[in-house]
């Protein structure tokens, strides 16, 4: 299930579940808190590039950044050796903020190996997405990851994909460019990625 939880202009409550009755209120409060977390993450990543703290946030759309909540439900699978919850991919967002349950399943790829993301109670998992890789001109890398399923337990996760508005033009930041860098609208990038077309 997907719901846009920010900005208010992009939210359509007709598609939000009516049960539990507290769903809307809980998500509105979560989005409010999440915006502060994402602002701090983008500021820290900007500073890590040697730029002013507001550069990445403004580059991905400022207060117009769209937050898309997805609720993933992975039922027990009798043959987890033959199935993946989600195939290998990177997120097309700028940043993804993930709340997992205690059942392991998220794996990240680094140094030619898959590593299990360990569950830490009350902690968020953060993925750098494709748009930050593009804006940083490759200095930050989008996280290659996949999810596995469990033989006995239900796994759930609640990622929020924080992405530029569709008409936002994304390319390497001017401070980090070379002559062969390209820009494009986020919605065009999104279309190519979803349809597996060359970028």
Protein backbone atom coordinates (compact mmCIF):
# COMPACT_ATOMS: atom_id res chain seq x y z
CA UNK A 1 0.00 0.00 0.00
CA UNK A 2 1.23 3.50 -0.87
CA UNK A 3 0.19 6.85 0.62
CA UNK A 4 1.68 10.29 0.00
CA UNK A 5 2.11 11.79 3.45
CA UNK A 6 3.71 15.14 2.48
CA UNK A 7 3.22 17.83 1.20
CA UNK A 8 -0.47 18.38 1.93
CA UNK A 9 -1.14 19.36 -1.70
CA UNK A 10 -0.14 15.85 -2.85
CA UNK A 11 -2.17 13.91 -0.26
CA UNK A 12 -5.41 12.24 -1.34
CA UNK A 13 -7.27 10.90 1.69
CA UNK A 14 -9.68 8.98 -0.56
CA UNK A 15 -6.93 6.39 -0.97
CA UNK A 16 -6.03 6.19 2.72
CA UNK A 17 -7.43 3.28 4.73
CA UNK A 18 -10.32 4.08 7.05
CA UNK A 19 -9.24 1.46 9.59
CA UNK A 20 -7.75 1.77 12.04
CA UNK A 21 -9.48 5.13 12.70
CA UNK A 22 -6.20 6.58 14.03
CA UNK A 23 -4.32 5.85 10.76
CA UNK A 24 -4.59 9.37 9.35
CA UNK A 25 -3.69 11.13 12.58
CA UNK A 26 -0.73 8.79 13.21
CA UNK A 27 0.63 9.33 9.69
CA UNK A 28 0.26 13.10 9.86
CA UNK A 29 2.20 13.14 13.14
CA UNK A 30 4.83 10.76 11.71
CA UNK A 31 5.29 12.94 8.62
CA UNK A 32 5.78 16.00 10.82
CA UNK A 33 8.53 14.27 12.83
CA UNK A 34 10.06 12.69 9.74
CA UNK A 35 10.52 16.04 8.03
CA UNK A 36 12.85 17.12 10.82
CA UNK A 37 14.87 13.91 10.50
CA UNK A 38 15.17 14.23 6.71
CA UNK A 39 16.16 17.91 6.97
CA UNK A 40 18.99 16.96 9.33
CA UNK A 41 20.10 14.11 7.08
CA UNK A 42 20.20 16.35 4.00
CA UNK A 43 22.07 19.03 5.94
CA UNK A 44 24.66 16.50 7.13
CA UNK A 45 25.09 15.09 3.61
CA UNK A 46 25.53 18.61 2.22
CA UNK A 47 28.19 19.42 4.79
CA UNK A 48 29.88 16.11 3.94
CA UNK A 49 30.27 17.36 0.37
CA UNK A 50 31.89 20.56 1.64
CA UNK A 51 28.78 22.60 0.77
CA UNK A 52 26.48 24.79 2.81
CA UNK A 53 23.95 22.86 4.85
CA UNK A 54 20.86 23.83 2.83
CA UNK A 55 22.19 22.91 -0.64
CA UNK A 56 20.88 19.34 -0.99
CA UNK A 57 17.49 20.12 0.52
CA UNK A 58 16.96 22.98 -1.93
CA UNK A 59 18.24 20.86 -4.82
CA UNK A 60 15.63 18.15 -4.19
CA UNK A 61 12.75 20.59 -3.87
CA UNK A 62 12.95 22.33 -0.48
CA UNK A 63 9.67 22.08 1.40
CA UNK A 64 8.09 20.57 -1.74
CA UNK A 65 9.91 17.23 -1.33
CA UNK A 66 7.30 14.47 -1.60
CA UNK A 67 7.07 11.75 1.05
CA UNK A 68 5.61 8.47 -0.16
CA UNK A 69 4.86 5.88 2.52
CA UNK A 70 4.80 2.21 1.55
CA UNK A 71 3.73 -0.58 3.88
CA UNK A 72 5.39 -3.90 3.03
CA UNK A 73 3.97 -7.21 4.31
CA UNK A 74 5.98 -10.39 3.74
CA UNK A 75 4.10 -13.50 4.93
CA UNK A 76 5.99 -16.62 6.04
CA UNK A 77 7.42 -18.52 3.09
CA UNK A 78 7.94 -22.31 3.26
CA UNK A 79 10.94 -22.10 0.86
CA UNK A 80 12.78 -18.84 1.59
CA UNK A 81 15.78 -20.22 -0.33
CA UNK A 82 13.70 -19.97 -3.54
CA UNK A 83 12.14 -16.53 -3.07
CA UNK A 84 13.02 -12.90 -2.46
CA UNK A 85 10.73 -10.36 -0.84
CA UNK A 86 12.01 -7.65 -3.19
CA UNK A 87 14.62 -8.13 -5.91
CA UNK A 88 17.96 -6.32 -6.00
CA UNK A 89 17.52 -2.59 -6.60
CA UNK A 90 18.39 0.95 -5.61
CA UNK A 91 15.73 3.44 -4.57
CA UNK A 92 14.92 6.19 -7.07
CA UNK A 93 14.22 8.59 -4.19
CA UNK A 94 16.66 11.08 -2.69
CA UNK A 95 16.49 9.51 0.78
CA UNK A 96 14.54 6.51 2.06
CA UNK A 97 13.68 6.26 5.75
CA UNK A 98 12.75 2.72 6.79
CA UNK A 99 11.12 1.39 9.96
CA UNK A 100 11.50 -2.43 10.13
CA UNK A 101 9.96 -4.92 12.50
CA UNK A 102 12.20 -7.33 14.45
CA UNK A 103 12.19 -10.02 11.72
CA UNK A 104 15.40 -9.77 9.67
CA UNK A 105 15.31 -9.61 5.91
CA UNK A 106 16.92 -6.45 4.57
CA UNK A 107 20.30 -7.06 2.95
CA UNK A 108 22.73 -4.49 1.54
CA UNK A 109 25.51 -5.11 -0.98
CA UNK A 110 29.01 -3.87 -0.32
CA UNK A 111 32.49 -5.04 -1.28
CA UNK A 112 31.05 -7.88 -3.39
CA UNK A 113 29.08 -9.35 -0.44
CA UNK A 114 25.52 -9.26 0.90
CA UNK A 115 25.20 -8.14 4.51
CA UNK A 116 22.18 -8.50 6.78
CA UNK A 117 20.94 -5.21 8.21
CA UNK A 118 20.73 -5.85 11.92
CA UNK A 119 17.55 -4.85 13.71
CA UNK A 120 18.02 -2.22 16.39
CA UNK A 121 14.92 -1.36 18.45
CA UNK A 122 13.68 2.23 17.99
CA UNK A 123 16.18 2.89 15.19
CA UNK A 124 15.56 4.02 11.62
CA UNK A 125 17.34 2.60 8.59
CA UNK A 126 18.40 5.25 6.07
CA UNK A 127 19.14 4.62 2.39
CA UNK A 128 20.82 7.14 0.14
CA UNK A 129 18.83 7.02 -3.09
CA UNK A 130 19.54 7.62 -6.76
CA UNK A 131 18.81 11.37 -6.65
CA UNK A 132 21.48 12.02 -4.02
CA UNK A 133 23.95 9.97 -6.06
CA UNK A 134 23.14 12.12 -9.11
CA UNK A 135 23.29 15.42 -7.21
CA UNK A 136 26.59 14.50 -5.54
CA UNK A 137 28.03 13.48 -8.91
CA UNK A 138 28.67 9.98 -7.55
CA UNK A 139 30.38 11.02 -4.33
CA UNK A 140 27.51 9.38 -2.46
CA UNK A 141 26.32 6.03 -3.78
CA UNK A 142 22.76 4.81 -3.89
CA UNK A 143 22.36 1.75 -1.63
CA UNK A 144 22.03 -1.52 -3.55
CA UNK A 145 19.74 -3.75 -1.51
CA UNK A 146 17.20 -6.57 -1.52
CA UNK A 147 14.84 -8.22 0.94
CA UNK A 148 14.53 -11.86 1.89
CA UNK A 149 11.59 -13.71 3.41
CA UNK A 150 11.32 -15.76 6.58
CA UNK A 151 10.16 -19.36 6.86
CA UNK A 152 8.20 -18.90 10.08
CA UNK A 153 7.55 -15.22 10.79
CA UNK A 154 5.83 -12.27 9.16
CA UNK A 155 8.18 -9.48 8.18
CA UNK A 156 6.91 -5.94 7.81
CA UNK A 157 8.58 -2.68 6.91
CA UNK A 158 7.46 0.92 6.52
CA UNK A 159 9.71 2.81 4.10
CA UNK A 160 9.11 6.46 3.28
CA UNK A 161 10.60 7.53 -0.05
CA UNK A 162 11.56 11.22 0.01
CA UNK A 163 11.69 12.37 -3.62
CA UNK A 164 11.78 15.57 -5.65
CA UNK A 165 8.54 16.85 -7.18
CA UNK A 166 8.06 15.36 -10.65
CA UNK A 167 8.95 18.56 -12.53
CA UNK A 168 12.09 19.20 -10.51
CA UNK A 169 15.19 19.11 -12.74
CA UNK A 170 17.90 16.95 -11.20
CA UNK A 171 21.54 16.86 -12.20
CA UNK A 172 24.92 17.08 -10.53
CA UNK A 173 25.25 20.16 -8.35
CA UNK A 174 27.09 22.97 -10.19
CA UNK A 175 29.83 22.90 -7.55
CA UNK A 176 30.55 19.25 -8.44
CA UNK A 177 30.15 19.09 -12.23
CA UNK A 178 32.26 18.16 -15.20
CA UNK A 179 31.44 18.76 -18.89
CA UNK A 180 29.64 15.43 -19.49
CA UNK A 181 27.06 15.61 -16.68
CA UNK A 182 23.37 15.56 -17.58
CA UNK A 183 20.19 16.90 -16.01
CA UNK A 184 16.60 15.72 -16.39
CA UNK A 185 13.22 16.10 -14.74
CA UNK A 186 12.65 13.70 -11.87
CA UNK A 187 9.44 12.35 -13.47
CA UNK A 188 11.43 11.46 -16.63
CA UNK A 189 14.07 9.70 -14.54
CA UNK A 190 11.29 7.90 -12.64
CA UNK A 191 9.64 6.74 -15.88
CA UNK A 192 12.94 5.35 -17.24
CA UNK A 193 13.79 3.56 -13.99
CA UNK A 194 10.34 1.95 -13.56
CA UNK A 195 10.30 0.82 -17.20
CA UNK A 196 13.96 -0.26 -17.17
CA UNK A 197 14.89 2.13 -19.98
CA UNK A 198 18.39 3.57 -20.50
CA UNK A 199 19.00 6.70 -18.44
